[in-house]
C-alpha atoms as a PDB file:
ATOM      1  CA  MET A   1      -8.906   0.221 -12.091  1.00  0.00           C
ATOM      2  CA  ASP A   2      -7.839  -2.445 -14.538  1.00  0.00           C
ATOM      3  CA  THR A   3      -5.242  -4.672 -13.853  1.00  0.00           C
ATOM      4  CA  ILE A   4      -2.379  -3.735 -15.111  1.00  0.00           C
ATOM      5  CA  SER A   5      -2.569  -0.002 -12.800  1.00  0.00           C
ATOM      6  CA  LEU A   6      -3.365  -2.333 -10.188  1.00  0.00           C
ATOM      7  CA  LEU A   7      -0.058  -4.358 -10.865  1.00  0.00           C
ATOM      8  CA  ALA A   8       2.199  -0.615 -11.552  1.00  0.00           C
ATOM      9  CA  LEU A   9       0.537   0.443  -8.127  1.00  0.00           C
ATOM     10  CA  LEU A  10       1.794  -2.611  -6.045  1.00  0.00           C
ATOM     11  CA  LEU A  11       5.193  -2.790  -7.958  1.00  0.00           C
ATOM     12  CA  THR A  12       5.636   0.769  -7.426  1.00  0.00           C
ATOM     13  CA  LEU A  13       5.211   0.722  -3.860  1.00  0.00           C
ATOM     14  CA  SER A  14       6.675  -2.353  -3.428  1.00  0.00           C
ATOM     15  CA  ALA A  15      10.367  -0.280  -4.665  1.00  0.00           C
ATOM     16  CA  GLY A  16      10.108   2.455  -2.767  1.00  0.00           C
ATOM     17  CA  PHE A  17       9.300   0.066   0.018  1.00  0.00           C
ATOM     18  CA  SER A  18      12.468  -1.893  -0.740  1.00  0.00           C
ATOM     19  CA  ILE A  19      14.519   1.350  -1.412  1.00  0.00           C
ATOM     20  CA  LEU A  20      13.767   2.537   1.918  1.00  0.00           C
ATOM     21  CA  ASN A  21      14.462  -0.633   4.303  1.00  0.00           C
ATOM     22  CA  HIS A  22      17.790  -0.508   2.152  1.00  0.00           C
ATOM     23  CA  HIS A  23      18.770   2.580   3.156  1.00  0.00           C
ATOM     24  CA  THR A  24      17.459   2.235   6.880  1.00  0.00           C
ATOM     25  CA  PHE A  25      16.981  -0.906   8.375  1.00  0.00           C
ATOM     26  CA  ARG A  26      18.543  -3.339   5.679  1.00  0.00           C
ATOM     27  CA  LEU A  27      16.866  -6.204   6.269  1.00  0.00           C
ATOM     28  CA  PRO A  28      15.943  -8.979   3.893  1.00  0.00           C
ATOM     29  CA  VAL A  29      14.094  -7.558   0.918  1.00  0.00           C
ATOM     30  CA  THR A  30      10.537  -9.873   1.891  1.00  0.00           C
ATOM     31  CA  ILE A  31      10.886  -8.652   5.957  1.00  0.00           C
ATOM     32  CA  GLY A  32      11.529  -5.074   4.834  1.00  0.00           C
ATOM     33  CA  VAL A  33       8.669  -4.355   2.608  1.00  0.00           C
ATOM     34  CA  LEU A  34       6.501  -6.474   4.924  1.00  0.00           C
ATOM     35  CA  ILE A  35       6.957  -3.898   7.966  1.00  0.00           C
ATOM     36  CA  PHE A  36       6.782  -0.935   5.608  1.00  0.00           C
ATOM     37  CA  SER A  37       3.526  -1.990   4.489  1.00  0.00           C
ATOM     38  CA  LEU A  38       2.432  -3.020   7.891  1.00  0.00           C
ATOM     39  CA  LEU A  39       4.086   0.920   8.974  1.00  0.00           C
ATOM     40  CA  ALA A  40       1.978   2.128   6.016  1.00  0.00           C
ATOM     41  CA  SER A  41      -1.228   0.764   7.105  1.00  0.00           C
ATOM     42  CA  LEU A  42      -1.195   1.700  10.721  1.00  0.00           C
ATOM     43  CA  LEU A  43       0.110   4.970  10.106  1.00  0.00           C
ATOM     44  CA  VAL A  44      -2.828   5.740   7.694  1.00  0.00           C
ATOM     45  CA  MET A  45      -5.422   3.995  10.754  1.00  0.00           C
ATOM     46  CA  ILE A  46      -3.993   5.988  13.335  1.00  0.00           C
ATOM     47  CA  LEU A  47      -4.136   9.574  11.210  1.00  0.00           C
ATOM     48  CA  ASN A  48      -7.618   8.881   9.603  1.00  0.00           C
ATOM     49  CA  PRO A  49      -8.767   9.510  13.208  1.00  0.00           C
ATOM     50  CA  LEU A  50      -6.929  12.490  14.121  1.00  0.00           C
ATOM     51  CA  ILE A  51      -7.691  14.344  10.487  1.00  0.00           C
ATOM     52  CA  PRO A  52     -11.890  14.138  10.922  1.00  0.00           C
ATOM     53  CA  ALA A  53     -12.389  16.540   7.312  1.00  0.00           C
ATOM     54  CA  TYR A  54     -10.182  14.250   5.101  1.00  0.00           C
ATOM     55  CA  ASP A  55     -11.089  10.937   5.345  1.00  0.00           C
ATOM     56  CA  LEU A  56      -7.466   9.263   4.483  1.00  0.00           C
ATOM     57  CA  GLN A  57      -9.389   5.497   4.143  1.00  0.00           C
ATOM     58  CA  ALA A  58     -11.442   6.755   1.445  1.00  0.00           C
ATOM     59  CA  LEU A  59      -8.537   6.044  -1.125  1.00  0.00           C
ATOM     60  CA  PRO A  60      -7.636   2.433  -0.198  1.00  0.00           C
ATOM     61  CA  ARG A  61     -11.496   1.782  -0.203  1.00  0.00           C
ATOM     62  CA  SER A  62     -12.192   2.685  -3.903  1.00  0.00           C
ATOM     63  CA  VAL A  63      -9.162   1.653  -5.527  1.00  0.00           C
ATOM     64  CA  LEU A  64      -9.974  -2.324  -3.776  1.00  0.00           C
ATOM     65  CA  GLY A  65     -13.871  -1.667  -4.453  1.00  0.00           C
ATOM     66  CA  ALA A  66     -13.075  -0.238  -8.113  1.00  0.00           C
ATOM     67  CA  ILE A  67     -10.625  -3.618  -9.064  1.00  0.00           C
ATOM     68  CA  ASN A  68     -12.375  -5.768 -12.374  1.00  0.00           C
ATOM     69  CA  LEU A  69     -10.132  -8.424 -12.002  1.00  0.00           C
ATOM     70  CA  PRO A  70     -11.106 -11.610 -14.166  1.00  0.00           C
ATOM     71  CA  ARG A  71     -12.980 -14.597 -12.535  1.00  0.00           C
ATOM     72  CA  PRO A  72     -11.004 -17.849 -13.045  1.00  0.00           C
ATOM     73  CA  PHE A  73     -14.499 -19.775 -13.904  1.00  0.00           C
END
C-alpha cells in the first residue's frame, strides 16, 4: 500500500467517524473521532476471539505491514 492509498483510507475513516459523531454524541470533532476510533479498535479486539473462522486482525496487520513510507534519512 502506498502513501496516497493510506492517506485516503485514513481520511475516509476520519470523515465517517466525524459524521457519526455529529449525528450521535455531538462532541468536539477531535474527541469524537478519537472515541469512535477507540470503539472500532475495541470492537475488532472483542469480535476476533468470538469468530474463530475469520481473522479480523489480518486486514489491519496486512495494511500496516505493507506500508511503504519513504525514509527521512
